[in-house]
Amino acid sequence: MGKIIAVFNQKGGVGKTTTNVNLSASLGQMGKKILVLDLDPQGNTTSGYGIEKNEVENTIYEVMLEGVSIKDSIIKTEFENVDIVAAATDLAGAEIEISAMDNREYILKKAIKEVVDEYEYIFIDCPPSLGMLTINCLTAVNSVLIPIQCEYYALEGVSQLMETIKLVKSRLNPNIDIQGVVLSMFDGRANLSIQVVEEVKKYFKGSVYTTLIPRNVRLAEAPSHGMPVIYYDNKCRGSIAYLELAEEFIDLEEDII
């Protein structure tokens, strides 16, 4: 059975999609079979994999709101071992529709059951807000990967984030856990970056990945070319960092087993 992981932070602009796209692609290149679900209405994970969401017939919207099988919504990306279920602009209005449905918190969990045995890891890009889409994500997953940028106010909203996970654990998904914390936009020359790393490690104890994702121009450019950074420029610092993160991710998973 595959492991389902939500990439989530209620605070927007923290490198959530960048981490989702590049970690999943790196794991795929390392031979892991990956499915990515894009539940963020902005659809940046979808476009980051070179897919135009407006041209997709069956998206995650059709899966959750219209009962379309997730198997009929999976798109094979051009990138090694990575499949995706695309986001849809319609997701922005899905919150109200989901609120009126039976077992509304479990819609995504039920849909994923069809394919959970076909992948090693399923990554979900959650919306950066706390609504029914996010609750569906957190109810469906085994663990949460938390992206945090090494910038001022990095820990802002983190206590609220942890409260949300705690609430979901007590009421909807007793098995949910913290997968780990990914620190990005790191600049070793800046005191602020170093200070943020120390603060985050102090807060999350042993849950922070050792690999730090650096500020990197090529990493920032890759989404506009519709590809993960390891396919855009596999020698840049961003690519090297995400491949190292993927290795660390796998090593820690093997330790758990």
C-alpha atoms as a PDB file:
ATOM      1  CA  MET A   1       0.000   0.000   0.000  1.00  0.00           C
ATOM      2  CA  GLY A   2       1.300   3.437  -0.950  1.00  0.00           C
ATOM      3  CA  LYS A   3       1.933   6.172   1.574  1.00  0.00           C
ATOM      4  CA  ILE A   4      -0.229   9.287   1.189  1.00  0.00           C
ATOM      5  CA  ILE A   5       1.397  12.600   2.092  1.00  0.00           C
ATOM      6  CA  ALA A   6      -0.128  16.083   2.229  1.00  0.00           C
ATOM      7  CA  VAL A   7       2.181  18.985   1.429  1.00  0.00           C
ATOM      8  CA  PHE A   8       0.553  21.602   3.595  1.00  0.00           C
ATOM      9  CA  ASN A   9       1.001  24.938   5.282  1.00  0.00           C
ATOM     10  CA  GLN A  10      -1.958  27.224   5.970  1.00  0.00           C
ATOM     11  CA  LYS A  11       0.300  30.184   5.283  1.00  0.00           C
ATOM     12  CA  GLY A  12       0.582  30.933   1.557  1.00  0.00           C
ATOM     13  CA  GLY A  13       3.809  31.583  -0.336  1.00  0.00           C
ATOM     14  CA  VAL A  14       5.986  29.160   1.611  1.00  0.00           C
ATOM     15  CA  GLY A  15       7.291  27.006  -1.245  1.00  0.00           C
ATOM     16  CA  LYS A  16       4.519  24.413  -0.950  1.00  0.00           C
ATOM     17  CA  THR A  17       4.114  23.774  -4.674  1.00  0.00           C
ATOM     18  CA  THR A  18       7.855  24.029  -5.377  1.00  0.00           C
ATOM     19  CA  THR A  19       8.507  21.304  -2.818  1.00  0.00           C
ATOM     20  CA  ASN A  20       5.607  19.154  -4.032  1.00  0.00           C
ATOM     21  CA  VAL A  21       6.727  19.247  -7.680  1.00  0.00           C
ATOM     22  CA  ASN A  22      10.450  18.883  -7.123  1.00  0.00           C
ATOM     23  CA  LEU A  23      10.450  16.299  -4.346  1.00  0.00           C
ATOM     24  CA  SER A  24       7.937  14.096  -6.175  1.00  0.00           C
ATOM     25  CA  ALA A  25       9.906  14.397  -9.444  1.00  0.00           C
ATOM     26  CA  SER A  26      13.184  13.588  -7.675  1.00  0.00           C
ATOM     27  CA  LEU A  27      11.663  10.498  -6.059  1.00  0.00           C
ATOM     28  CA  GLY A  28      10.280   9.475  -9.451  1.00  0.00           C
ATOM     29  CA  GLN A  29      13.702   9.799 -11.044  1.00  0.00           C
ATOM     30  CA  MET A  30      15.072   7.611  -8.252  1.00  0.00           C
ATOM     31  CA  GLY A  31      12.679   4.828  -9.262  1.00  0.00           C
ATOM     32  CA  LYS A  32       9.729   5.421  -6.923  1.00  0.00           C
ATOM     33  CA  LYS A  33       6.245   5.231  -8.472  1.00  0.00           C
ATOM     34  CA  ILE A  34       4.549   8.539  -7.679  1.00  0.00           C
ATOM     35  CA  LEU A  35       1.044   9.979  -7.986  1.00  0.00           C
ATOM     36  CA  VAL A  36       0.523  13.708  -7.435  1.00  0.00           C
ATOM     37  CA  LEU A  37      -2.917  15.157  -6.671  1.00  0.00           C
ATOM     38  CA  ASP A  38      -3.355  18.896  -7.160  1.00  0.00           C
ATOM     39  CA  LEU A  39      -6.087  20.222  -4.876  1.00  0.00           C
ATOM     40  CA  ASP A  40      -4.941  23.836  -4.940  1.00  0.00           C
ATOM     41  CA  PRO A  41      -7.372  25.838  -7.146  1.00  0.00           C
ATOM     42  CA  GLN A  42      -4.407  27.862  -8.466  1.00  0.00           C
ATOM     43  CA  GLY A  43      -3.180  24.669 -10.133  1.00  0.00           C
ATOM     44  CA  ASN A  44       0.511  25.534  -9.922  1.00  0.00           C
ATOM     45  CA  THR A  45       1.543  21.908  -9.376  1.00  0.00           C
ATOM     46  CA  THR A  46      -0.391  20.975 -12.520  1.00  0.00           C
ATOM     47  CA  SER A  47       1.317  23.665 -14.627  1.00  0.00           C
ATOM     48  CA  GLY A  48       4.640  22.900 -12.918  1.00  0.00           C
ATOM     49  CA  TYR A  49       4.398  19.475 -14.532  1.00  0.00           C
ATOM     50  CA  GLY A  50       3.721  21.009 -17.947  1.00  0.00           C
ATOM     51  CA  ILE A  51      -0.026  20.367 -17.999  1.00  0.00           C
ATOM     52  CA  GLU A  52      -2.547  23.015 -19.031  1.00  0.00           C
ATOM     53  CA  LYS A  53      -5.390  22.509 -16.558  1.00  0.00           C
ATOM     54  CA  ASN A  54      -8.011  24.076 -18.830  1.00  0.00           C
ATOM     55  CA  GLU A  55      -7.378  21.350 -21.403  1.00  0.00           C
ATOM     56  CA  VAL A  56      -7.881  18.412 -19.014  1.00  0.00           C
ATOM     57  CA  GLU A  57     -11.202  16.581 -19.280  1.00  0.00           C
ATOM     58  CA  ASN A  58     -11.268  14.869 -15.875  1.00  0.00           C
ATOM     59  CA  THR A  59      -9.643  16.766 -13.017  1.00  0.00           C
ATOM     60  CA  ILE A  60      -9.729  16.315  -9.253  1.00  0.00           C
ATOM     61  CA  TYR A  61     -12.962  18.353  -9.351  1.00  0.00           C
ATOM     62  CA  GLU A  62     -14.723  15.661 -11.406  1.00  0.00           C
ATOM     63  CA  VAL A  63     -13.354  13.002  -9.051  1.00  0.00           C
ATOM     64  CA  MET A  64     -14.601  14.690  -5.884  1.00  0.00           C
ATOM     65  CA  LEU A  65     -17.791  16.380  -7.064  1.00  0.00           C
ATOM     66  CA  GLU A  66     -19.065  14.298  -9.971  1.00  0.00           C
ATOM     67  CA  GLY A  67     -18.083  10.783  -8.963  1.00  0.00           C
ATOM     68  CA  VAL A  68     -15.633  10.205 -11.829  1.00  0.00           C
ATOM     69  CA  SER A  69     -13.195   7.380 -11.050  1.00  0.00           C
ATOM     70  CA  ILE A  70      -9.738   8.607 -10.086  1.00  0.00           C
ATOM     71  CA  LYS A  71      -8.369   6.008 -12.523  1.00  0.00           C
ATOM     72  CA  ASP A  72     -10.041   7.918 -15.367  1.00  0.00           C
ATOM     73  CA  SER A  73      -8.447  11.171 -14.202  1.00  0.00           C
ATOM     74  CA  ILE A  74      -4.805  10.123 -13.949  1.00  0.00           C
ATOM     75  CA  ILE A  75      -2.453  11.715 -16.480  1.00  0.00           C
ATOM     76  CA  LYS A  76       0.988  10.287 -17.191  1.00  0.00           C
ATOM     77  CA  THR A  77       3.444  13.169 -17.091  1.00  0.00           C
ATOM     78  CA  GLU A  78       6.481  13.391 -19.368  1.00  0.00           C
ATOM     79  CA  PHE A  79       8.633  12.842 -16.310  1.00  0.00           C
ATOM     80  CA  GLU A  80       9.893   9.529 -15.012  1.00  0.00           C
ATOM     81  CA  ASN A  81       7.481   7.534 -12.803  1.00  0.00           C
ATOM     82  CA  VAL A  82       5.198  10.498 -12.045  1.00  0.00           C
ATOM     83  CA  ASP A  83       1.444  10.536 -12.718  1.00  0.00           C
ATOM     84  CA  ILE A  84      -0.849  13.413 -11.805  1.00  0.00           C
ATOM     85  CA  VAL A  85      -4.498  14.255 -11.250  1.00  0.00           C
ATOM     86  CA  ALA A  86      -4.838  17.868 -12.353  1.00  0.00           C
ATOM     87  CA  ALA A  87      -6.427  20.774 -10.525  1.00  0.00           C
ATOM     88  CA  ALA A  88      -9.360  22.693 -11.970  1.00  0.00           C
ATOM     89  CA  THR A  89     -10.327  26.345 -11.744  1.00  0.00           C
ATOM     90  CA  ASP A  90     -13.751  25.088 -10.591  1.00  0.00           C
ATOM     91  CA  LEU A  91     -12.136  23.973  -7.333  1.00  0.00           C
ATOM     92  CA  ALA A  92     -12.394  27.553  -6.089  1.00  0.00           C
ATOM     93  CA  GLY A  93     -16.158  27.104  -5.725  1.00  0.00           C
ATOM     94  CA  ALA A  94     -16.025  23.479  -4.616  1.00  0.00           C
ATOM     95  CA  GLU A  95     -15.986  24.316  -0.897  1.00  0.00           C
ATOM     96  CA  ILE A  96     -19.703  25.186  -0.882  1.00  0.00           C
ATOM     97  CA  GLU A  97     -20.653  22.128  -2.942  1.00  0.00           C
ATOM     98  CA  ILE A  98     -18.665  19.748  -0.727  1.00  0.00           C
ATOM     99  CA  SER A  99     -20.235  21.232   2.417  1.00  0.00           C
ATOM    100  CA  ALA A 100     -23.639  19.972   1.265  1.00  0.00           C
ATOM    101  CA  MET A 101     -22.482  16.386   0.582  1.00  0.00           C
ATOM    102  CA  ASP A 102     -22.795  13.284   2.776  1.00  0.00           C
ATOM    103  CA  ASN A 103     -19.591  12.147   4.527  1.00  0.00           C
ATOM    104  CA  ARG A 104     -18.057  15.328   3.174  1.00  0.00           C
ATOM    105  CA  GLU A 105     -14.739  14.945   5.023  1.00  0.00           C
ATOM    106  CA  TYR A 106     -14.056  11.528   3.454  1.00  0.00           C
ATOM    107  CA  ILE A 107     -14.708  12.148  -0.264  1.00  0.00           C
ATOM    108  CA  LEU A 108     -11.031  12.234  -1.242  1.00  0.00           C
ATOM    109  CA  LYS A 109     -10.097   9.312   1.009  1.00  0.00           C
ATOM    110  CA  LYS A 110     -12.735   7.152  -0.664  1.00  0.00           C
ATOM    111  CA  ALA A 111     -11.559   8.174  -4.151  1.00  0.00           C
ATOM    112  CA  ILE A 112      -7.874   7.433  -3.455  1.00  0.00           C
ATOM    113  CA  LYS A 113      -8.632   3.895  -2.226  1.00  0.00           C
ATOM    114  CA  GLU A 114      -8.951   2.798  -5.869  1.00  0.00           C
ATOM    115  CA  VAL A 115      -5.291   3.496  -6.633  1.00  0.00           C
ATOM    116  CA  VAL A 116      -3.430   3.488  -3.323  1.00  0.00           C
ATOM    117  CA  ASP A 117      -1.884   0.075  -4.041  1.00  0.00           C
ATOM    118  CA  GLU A 118      -0.553   1.156  -7.435  1.00  0.00           C
ATOM    119  CA  TYR A 119       1.901   3.784  -6.155  1.00  0.00           C
ATOM    120  CA  GLU A 120       4.662   3.961  -3.575  1.00  0.00           C
ATOM    121  CA  TYR A 121       3.896   7.579  -2.680  1.00  0.00           C
ATOM    122  CA  ILE A 122       0.894   9.812  -3.298  1.00  0.00           C
ATOM    123  CA  PHE A 123       1.597  13.517  -2.768  1.00  0.00           C
ATOM    124  CA  ILE A 124      -1.278  15.963  -2.330  1.00  0.00           C
ATOM    125  CA  ASP A 125      -0.826  19.689  -2.891  1.00  0.00           C
ATOM    126  CA  CYS A 126      -3.316  21.216  -0.427  1.00  0.00           C
ATOM    127  CA  PRO A 127      -4.845  24.688  -0.706  1.00  0.00           C
ATOM    128  CA  PRO A 128      -3.150  27.256   1.591  1.00  0.00           C
ATOM    129  CA  SER A 129      -6.328  27.684   3.626  1.00  0.00           C
ATOM    130  CA  LEU A 130      -8.491  25.699   5.995  1.00  0.00           C
ATOM    131  CA  GLY A 131     -11.666  24.682   4.171  1.00  0.00           C
ATOM    132  CA  MET A 132     -13.335  21.439   3.143  1.00  0.00           C
ATOM    133  CA  LEU A 133     -10.733  20.712   0.447  1.00  0.00           C
ATOM    134  CA  THR A 134      -7.931  20.867   3.003  1.00  0.00           C
ATOM    135  CA  ILE A 135      -9.925  18.837   5.540  1.00  0.00           C
ATOM    136  CA  ASN A 136     -10.410  16.186   2.830  1.00  0.00           C
ATOM    137  CA  CYS A 137      -6.653  16.166   2.213  1.00  0.00           C
ATOM    138  CA  LEU A 138      -5.782  15.798   5.891  1.00  0.00           C
ATOM    139  CA  THR A 139      -8.398  13.097   6.430  1.00  0.00           C
ATOM    140  CA  ALA A 140      -7.039  11.032   3.527  1.00  0.00           C
ATOM    141  CA  VAL A 141      -3.321  11.084   4.337  1.00  0.00           C
ATOM    142  CA  ASN A 142      -0.851   9.156   6.465  1.00  0.00           C
ATOM    143  CA  SER A 143       1.335  12.186   7.103  1.00  0.00           C
ATOM    144  CA  VAL A 144       1.955  15.887   6.499  1.00  0.00           C
ATOM    145  CA  LEU A 145       5.058  17.424   4.936  1.00  0.00           C
ATOM    146  CA  ILE A 146       5.406  21.043   6.075  1.00  0.00           C
ATOM    147  CA  PRO A 147       7.304  23.507   3.854  1.00  0.00           C
ATOM    148  CA  ILE A 148       8.739  26.613   5.534  1.00  0.00           C
ATOM    149  CA  GLN A 149      10.816  29.372   3.926  1.00  0.00           C
ATOM    150  CA  CYS A 150      13.860  30.805   5.699  1.00  0.00           C
ATOM    151  CA  GLU A 151      12.379  34.276   5.873  1.00  0.00           C
ATOM    152  CA  TYR A 152      11.063  36.742   8.427  1.00  0.00           C
ATOM    153  CA  TYR A 153       7.885  35.496  10.156  1.00  0.00           C
ATOM    154  CA  ALA A 154       8.740  31.919   9.084  1.00  0.00           C
ATOM    155  CA  LEU A 155       7.012  30.455  12.134  1.00  0.00           C
ATOM    156  CA  GLU A 156       3.965  32.689  11.810  1.00  0.00           C
ATOM    157  CA  GLY A 157       0.869  30.493  11.675  1.00  0.00           C
ATOM    158  CA  VAL A 158       2.762  27.318  12.601  1.00  0.00           C
ATOM    159  CA  SER A 159       0.991  26.913  15.955  1.00  0.00           C
ATOM    160  CA  GLN A 160      -2.348  27.225  14.119  1.00  0.00           C
ATOM    161  CA  LEU A 161      -1.145  24.647  11.598  1.00  0.00           C
ATOM    162  CA  MET A 162      -0.242  22.204  14.379  1.00  0.00           C
ATOM    163  CA  GLU A 163      -3.607  22.811  16.064  1.00  0.00           C
ATOM    164  CA  THR A 164      -5.349  21.952  12.784  1.00  0.00           C
ATOM    165  CA  ILE A 165      -3.423  18.677  12.481  1.00  0.00           C
ATOM    166  CA  LYS A 166      -4.151  17.888  16.144  1.00  0.00           C
ATOM    167  CA  LEU A 167      -7.869  18.538  15.599  1.00  0.00           C
ATOM    168  CA  VAL A 168      -7.991  16.310  12.508  1.00  0.00           C
ATOM    169  CA  LYS A 169      -6.104  13.607  14.413  1.00  0.00           C
ATOM    170  CA  SER A 170      -8.594  13.644  17.285  1.00  0.00           C
ATOM    171  CA  ARG A 171     -11.764  13.775  15.176  1.00  0.00           C
ATOM    172  CA  LEU A 172     -11.205  12.453  11.658  1.00  0.00           C
ATOM    173  CA  ASN A 173      -7.865  10.733  11.093  1.00  0.00           C
ATOM    174  CA  PRO A 174      -6.177   9.200  14.160  1.00  0.00           C
ATOM    175  CA  ASN A 175      -3.248   7.965  12.043  1.00  0.00           C
ATOM    176  CA  ILE A 176      -2.091  11.354  10.725  1.00  0.00           C
ATOM    177  CA  ASP A 177       1.477  12.266  11.628  1.00  0.00           C
ATOM    178  CA  ILE A 178       4.203  14.771  10.730  1.00  0.00           C
ATOM    179  CA  GLN A 179       6.307  13.455   7.844  1.00  0.00           C
ATOM    180  CA  GLY A 180       8.880  16.206   8.189  1.00  0.00           C
ATOM    181  CA  VAL A 181       9.633  19.898   7.740  1.00  0.00           C
ATOM    182  CA  VAL A 182      11.362  21.166   4.581  1.00  0.00           C
ATOM    183  CA  LEU A 183      13.263  24.459   4.831  1.00  0.00           C
ATOM    184  CA  SER A 184      13.633  26.369   1.572  1.00  0.00           C
ATOM    185  CA  MET A 185      14.930  29.736   0.289  1.00  0.00           C
ATOM    186  CA  PHE A 186      18.006  29.216   2.453  1.00  0.00           C
ATOM    187  CA  ASP A 187      20.889  31.663   2.054  1.00  0.00           C
ATOM    188  CA  GLY A 188      23.945  30.640   4.058  1.00  0.00           C
ATOM    189  CA  ARG A 189      25.331  34.194   3.839  1.00  0.00           C
ATOM    190  CA  ALA A 190      22.311  35.681   5.597  1.00  0.00           C
ATOM    191  CA  ASN A 191      22.074  35.693   9.372  1.00  0.00           C
ATOM    192  CA  LEU A 192      18.277  35.615   9.090  1.00  0.00           C
ATOM    193  CA  SER A 193      18.329  32.269   7.234  1.00  0.00           C
ATOM    194  CA  ILE A 194      20.612  30.710   9.835  1.00  0.00           C
ATOM    195  CA  GLN A 195      18.466  32.089  12.649  1.00  0.00           C
ATOM    196  CA  VAL A 196      15.251  30.726  11.070  1.00  0.00           C
ATOM    197  CA  VAL A 197      16.796  27.253  10.706  1.00  0.00           C
ATOM    198  CA  GLU A 198      17.678  27.286  14.418  1.00  0.00           C
ATOM    199  CA  GLU A 199      14.190  28.475  15.425  1.00  0.00           C
ATOM    200  CA  VAL A 200      12.392  25.901  13.277  1.00  0.00           C
ATOM    201  CA  LYS A 201      14.609  23.068  14.556  1.00  0.00           C
ATOM    202  CA  LYS A 202      13.930  24.179  18.115  1.00  0.00           C
ATOM    203  CA  TYR A 203      10.166  24.194  17.490  1.00  0.00           C
ATOM    204  CA  PHE A 204       9.899  20.921  15.545  1.00  0.00           C
ATOM    205  CA  LYS A 205      12.692  19.047  17.333  1.00  0.00           C
ATOM    206  CA  GLY A 206      13.809  16.069  15.193  1.00  0.00           C
ATOM    207  CA  SER A 207      11.241  16.499  12.411  1.00  0.00           C
ATOM    208  CA  VAL A 208      13.289  18.936  10.278  1.00  0.00           C
ATOM    209  CA  TYR A 209      15.130  17.555   7.242  1.00  0.00           C
ATOM    210  CA  THR A 210      18.868  18.180   7.281  1.00  0.00           C
ATOM    211  CA  THR A 211      18.833  19.082   3.576  1.00  0.00           C
ATOM    212  CA  LEU A 212      18.228  22.808   3.074  1.00  0.00           C
ATOM    213  CA  ILE A 213      16.776  24.020  -0.234  1.00  0.00           C
ATOM    214  CA  PRO A 214      18.750  27.107  -1.325  1.00  0.00           C
ATOM    215  CA  ARG A 215      17.625  30.272  -3.047  1.00  0.00           C
ATOM    216  CA  ASN A 216      18.251  29.444  -6.691  1.00  0.00           C
ATOM    217  CA  VAL A 217      17.410  31.251  -9.926  1.00  0.00           C
ATOM    218  CA  ARG A 218      17.039  28.043 -11.967  1.00  0.00           C
ATOM    219  CA  LEU A 219      14.651  26.650  -9.360  1.00  0.00           C
ATOM    220  CA  ALA A 220      12.522  29.786  -9.688  1.00  0.00           C
ATOM    221  CA  GLU A 221      12.599  29.627 -13.511  1.00  0.00           C
ATOM    222  CA  ALA A 222      11.651  25.952 -13.909  1.00  0.00           C
ATOM    223  CA  PRO A 223       7.846  26.298 -13.360  1.00  0.00           C
ATOM    224  CA  SER A 224       7.523  28.776 -16.245  1.00  0.00           C
ATOM    225  CA  HIS A 225       8.980  26.059 -18.489  1.00  0.00           C
ATOM    226  CA  GLY A 226       6.506  23.479 -17.173  1.00  0.00           C
ATOM    227  CA  MET A 227       9.061  21.135 -15.704  1.00  0.00           C
ATOM    228  CA  PRO A 228      10.638  20.162 -12.376  1.00  0.00           C
ATOM    229  CA  VAL A 229      14.055  21.723 -11.839  1.00  0.00           C
ATOM    230  CA  ILE A 230      15.917  18.398 -12.160  1.00  0.00           C
ATOM    231  CA  TYR A 231      14.729  18.236 -15.788  1.00  0.00           C
ATOM    232  CA  TYR A 232      15.244  21.942 -16.450  1.00  0.00           C
ATOM    233  CA  ASP A 233      18.832  22.102 -15.169  1.00  0.00           C
ATOM    234  CA  ASN A 234      20.045  18.994 -13.375  1.00  0.00           C
ATOM    235  CA  LYS A 235      23.342  20.568 -12.336  1.00  0.00           C
ATOM    236  CA  CYS A 236      22.022  23.671 -10.575  1.00  0.00           C
ATOM    237  CA  ARG A 237      22.039  23.994  -6.802  1.00  0.00           C
ATOM    238  CA  GLY A 238      18.258  23.633  -6.619  1.00  0.00           C
ATOM    239  CA  SER A 239      18.332  20.283  -8.443  1.00  0.00           C
ATOM    240  CA  ILE A 240      21.152  18.932  -6.323  1.00  0.00           C
ATOM    241  CA  ALA A 241      19.322  19.972  -3.133  1.00  0.00           C
ATOM    242  CA  TYR A 242      16.021  18.318  -4.101  1.00  0.00           C
ATOM    243  CA  LEU A 243      17.786  15.097  -5.089  1.00  0.00           C
ATOM    244  CA  GLU A 244      19.564  15.147  -1.718  1.00  0.00           C
ATOM    245  CA  LEU A 245      16.226  15.770   0.003  1.00  0.00           C
ATOM    246  CA  ALA A 246      14.705  12.800  -1.860  1.00  0.00           C
ATOM    247  CA  GLU A 247      17.580  10.588  -0.699  1.00  0.00           C
ATOM    248  CA  GLU A 248      17.149  11.763   2.884  1.00  0.00           C
ATOM    249  CA  PHE A 249      13.385  11.198   2.591  1.00  0.00           C
ATOM    250  CA  ILE A 250      13.902   7.590   1.432  1.00  0.00           C
ATOM    251  CA  ASP A 251      16.570   6.891   4.070  1.00  0.00           C
ATOM    252  CA  LEU A 252      14.238   8.058   6.837  1.00  0.00           C
ATOM    253  CA  GLU A 253      11.372   6.001   5.392  1.00  0.00           C
ATOM    254  CA  GLU A 254      13.563   2.902   5.419  1.00  0.00           C
ATOM    255  CA  ASP A 255      14.490   3.603   9.039  1.00  0.00           C
ATOM    256  CA  ILE A 256      10.778   3.639   9.931  1.00  0.00           C
ATOM    257  CA  ILE A 257      10.262   0.272   8.234  1.00  0.00           C
END
